[in-house]
Every structure is written in C-alpha cells, then in structure tokens.
Amino acid sequence: MGFGGSIFLIALGAIFAFAVEADLGWLNLAVVGWVLMLAGVAGLLLTLHFWNSRRRAVVAPVRGERVVAEQVVPVRDDRVVEEYREVRQPRRTV
C-alpha cells in the first residue's frame, strides 16, 4: 500500500468519523471512518516493517569492513536471481 495510501486512508477515515454528520439510515459513516483509519494504520505498520527488513548491514569490528546482505531474492520469469554485494574500504598505501 505504501506510506501515501496509508496516510490517505487515515485522513479519509478521520473525516468520516469526526467531521461528517450525514444520516444515511442504513450506513453509519462513523463506523466506516473508524474502519478506514484502522486499515490505514495497519497498512502503515506493514509498510514500515517491510521497509525496515529490506536490507541488513553487518559490520566486522576487526577490520571495519561492511557487508550488505540482502534477504529478499527477486524472482523473474520463473528464475531465481541471487544478488550479493560486498563493500570494502580501500587499502591504505604507504
């Protein structure tokens, strides 16, 4: 859903829950507003979780090398594509 969609659902739900006072008889807009706000909060939490778990950096304390390990393996046309990246500091020349 993303950040934008989640914030939009939260804002739309707040408008329905707190600002609109229409009587439709068969539909309670306050309940619809609360449901939209809960869906927006759930989408926001899921988006934050997936953004935080995309990459993890591992730091070797002895040499100061930084290795980026990617847990997500993208699939394209029924083929598994594995990607490994290693970032090292340049060696010092004397």
C-alpha atoms as a PDB file:
ATOM      1  CA  MET A   1       0.000   0.000   0.000  1.00  0.00           C
ATOM      2  CA  GLY A   2       2.795   2.403   0.835  1.00  0.00           C
ATOM      3  CA  PHE A   3       3.048   5.475   3.005  1.00  0.00           C
ATOM      4  CA  GLY A   4       0.852   7.663   0.824  1.00  0.00           C
ATOM      5  CA  GLY A   5      -2.048   5.228   0.626  1.00  0.00           C
ATOM      6  CA  SER A   6      -1.953   4.571   4.362  1.00  0.00           C
ATOM      7  CA  ILE A   7      -1.946   8.252   5.276  1.00  0.00           C
ATOM      8  CA  PHE A   8      -4.773   8.863   2.788  1.00  0.00           C
ATOM      9  CA  LEU A   9      -6.898   6.130   4.421  1.00  0.00           C
ATOM     10  CA  ILE A  10      -6.219   7.531   7.883  1.00  0.00           C
ATOM     11  CA  ALA A  11      -7.178  11.061   6.793  1.00  0.00           C
ATOM     12  CA  LEU A  12     -10.306   9.908   4.944  1.00  0.00           C
ATOM     13  CA  GLY A  13     -11.355   7.795   7.925  1.00  0.00           C
ATOM     14  CA  ALA A  14     -10.878  10.724  10.306  1.00  0.00           C
ATOM     15  CA  ILE A  15     -13.028  12.917   8.082  1.00  0.00           C
ATOM     16  CA  PHE A  16     -15.801  10.314   8.004  1.00  0.00           C
ATOM     17  CA  ALA A  17     -15.559   9.584  11.736  1.00  0.00           C
ATOM     18  CA  PHE A  18     -15.318  13.116  13.113  1.00  0.00           C
ATOM     19  CA  ALA A  19     -16.384  15.706  10.530  1.00  0.00           C
ATOM     20  CA  VAL A  20     -19.277  14.267   8.514  1.00  0.00           C
ATOM     21  CA  GLU A  21     -22.693  14.223  10.157  1.00  0.00           C
ATOM     22  CA  ALA A  22     -24.866  12.778   7.389  1.00  0.00           C
ATOM     23  CA  ASP A  23     -27.703  10.364   8.211  1.00  0.00           C
ATOM     24  CA  LEU A  24     -27.920   7.626   5.618  1.00  0.00           C
ATOM     25  CA  GLY A  25     -30.045   5.334   7.755  1.00  0.00           C
ATOM     26  CA  TRP A  26     -28.507   2.080   6.545  1.00  0.00           C
ATOM     27  CA  LEU A  27     -24.847   3.160   6.786  1.00  0.00           C
ATOM     28  CA  ASN A  28     -23.111   4.609   9.810  1.00  0.00           C
ATOM     29  CA  LEU A  29     -20.321   6.851   8.498  1.00  0.00           C
ATOM     30  CA  ALA A  30     -18.576   6.985  11.869  1.00  0.00           C
ATOM     31  CA  VAL A  31     -18.056   3.214  11.789  1.00  0.00           C
ATOM     32  CA  VAL A  32     -16.834   3.419   8.177  1.00  0.00           C
ATOM     33  CA  GLY A  33     -14.390   6.118   9.275  1.00  0.00           C
ATOM     34  CA  TRP A  34     -13.000   4.011  12.114  1.00  0.00           C
ATOM     35  CA  VAL A  35     -12.610   1.002   9.806  1.00  0.00           C
ATOM     36  CA  LEU A  36     -10.727   3.145   7.254  1.00  0.00           C
ATOM     37  CA  MET A  37      -8.453   4.550   9.957  1.00  0.00           C
ATOM     38  CA  LEU A  38      -7.648   1.062  11.269  1.00  0.00           C
ATOM     39  CA  ALA A  39      -6.909  -0.161   7.741  1.00  0.00           C
ATOM     40  CA  GLY A  40      -4.602   2.832   7.224  1.00  0.00           C
ATOM     41  CA  VAL A  41      -2.732   2.207  10.470  1.00  0.00           C
ATOM     42  CA  ALA A  42      -2.349  -1.496   9.608  1.00  0.00           C
ATOM     43  CA  GLY A  43      -1.044  -0.603   6.154  1.00  0.00           C
ATOM     44  CA  LEU A  44       1.373   1.914   7.635  1.00  0.00           C
ATOM     45  CA  LEU A  45       2.731  -0.634  10.121  1.00  0.00           C
ATOM     46  CA  LEU A  46       3.147  -3.267   7.403  1.00  0.00           C
ATOM     47  CA  THR A  47       4.914  -0.778   5.142  1.00  0.00           C
ATOM     48  CA  LEU A  48       7.299   0.214   7.931  1.00  0.00           C
ATOM     49  CA  HIS A  49       8.002  -3.449   8.698  1.00  0.00           C
ATOM     50  CA  PHE A  50       8.835  -4.297   5.087  1.00  0.00           C
ATOM     51  CA  TRP A  51      10.952  -1.176   4.597  1.00  0.00           C
ATOM     52  CA  ASN A  52      12.989  -1.973   7.712  1.00  0.00           C
ATOM     53  CA  SER A  53      13.555  -5.622   6.776  1.00  0.00           C
ATOM     54  CA  ARG A  54      14.742  -4.992   3.199  1.00  0.00           C
ATOM     55  CA  ARG A  55      18.461  -4.876   3.931  1.00  0.00           C
ATOM     56  CA  ARG A  56      20.612  -5.514   6.884  1.00  0.00           C
ATOM     57  CA  ALA A  57      24.178  -4.289   7.250  1.00  0.00           C
ATOM     58  CA  VAL A  58      26.739  -6.441   9.021  1.00  0.00           C
ATOM     59  CA  VAL A  59      29.833  -4.711  10.363  1.00  0.00           C
ATOM     60  CA  ALA A  60      33.003  -6.658  11.072  1.00  0.00           C
ATOM     61  CA  PRO A  61      34.530  -4.959  14.126  1.00  0.00           C
ATOM     62  CA  VAL A  62      38.125  -6.059  13.485  1.00  0.00           C
ATOM     63  CA  ARG A  63      38.775  -4.653  10.032  1.00  0.00           C
ATOM     64  CA  GLY A  64      35.862  -2.256   9.719  1.00  0.00           C
ATOM     65  CA  GLU A  65      34.525  -3.976   6.599  1.00  0.00           C
ATOM     66  CA  ARG A  66      30.865  -3.507   5.880  1.00  0.00           C
ATOM     67  CA  VAL A  67      28.953  -6.307   4.185  1.00  0.00           C
ATOM     68  CA  VAL A  68      25.394  -5.745   2.977  1.00  0.00           C
ATOM     69  CA  ALA A  69      23.410  -8.962   2.995  1.00  0.00           C
ATOM     70  CA  GLU A  70      20.129  -8.902   1.125  1.00  0.00           C
ATOM     71  CA  GLN A  71      17.498 -11.355   2.314  1.00  0.00           C
ATOM     72  CA  VAL A  72      14.996 -10.753  -0.464  1.00  0.00           C
ATOM     73  CA  VAL A  73      15.517 -12.921  -3.536  1.00  0.00           C
ATOM     74  CA  PRO A  74      13.676 -11.489  -6.551  1.00  0.00           C
ATOM     75  CA  VAL A  75      12.021 -13.959  -8.930  1.00  0.00           C
ATOM     76  CA  ARG A  76      11.782 -13.152 -12.614  1.00  0.00           C
ATOM     77  CA  ASP A  77      10.289 -15.417 -15.289  1.00  0.00           C
ATOM     78  CA  ASP A  78      10.419 -18.480 -13.010  1.00  0.00           C
ATOM     79  CA  ARG A  79      14.143 -17.963 -12.490  1.00  0.00           C
ATOM     80  CA  VAL A  80      15.695 -17.167  -9.147  1.00  0.00           C
ATOM     81  CA  VAL A  81      18.134 -14.288  -9.280  1.00  0.00           C
ATOM     82  CA  GLU A  82      20.533 -14.118  -6.361  1.00  0.00           C
ATOM     83  CA  GLU A  83      22.381 -10.932  -5.606  1.00  0.00           C
ATOM     84  CA  TYR A  84      25.308 -10.491  -3.246  1.00  0.00           C
ATOM     85  CA  ARG A  85      27.018  -7.192  -2.596  1.00  0.00           C
ATOM     86  CA  GLU A  86      30.166  -6.649  -0.626  1.00  0.00           C
ATOM     87  CA  VAL A  87      31.503  -3.211   0.162  1.00  0.00           C
ATOM     88  CA  ARG A  88      35.077  -2.908   1.373  1.00  0.00           C
ATOM     89  CA  GLN A  89      37.186   0.034   2.371  1.00  0.00           C
ATOM     90  CA  PRO A  90      40.184   0.704   0.117  1.00  0.00           C
ATOM     91  CA  ARG A  91      43.563  -0.477   1.407  1.00  0.00           C
ATOM     92  CA  ARG A  92      45.966   2.141   2.626  1.00  0.00           C
ATOM     93  CA  THR A  93      49.134   2.629   0.646  1.00  0.00           C
ATOM     94  CA  VAL A  94      52.253   3.681   2.480  1.00  0.00           C
END
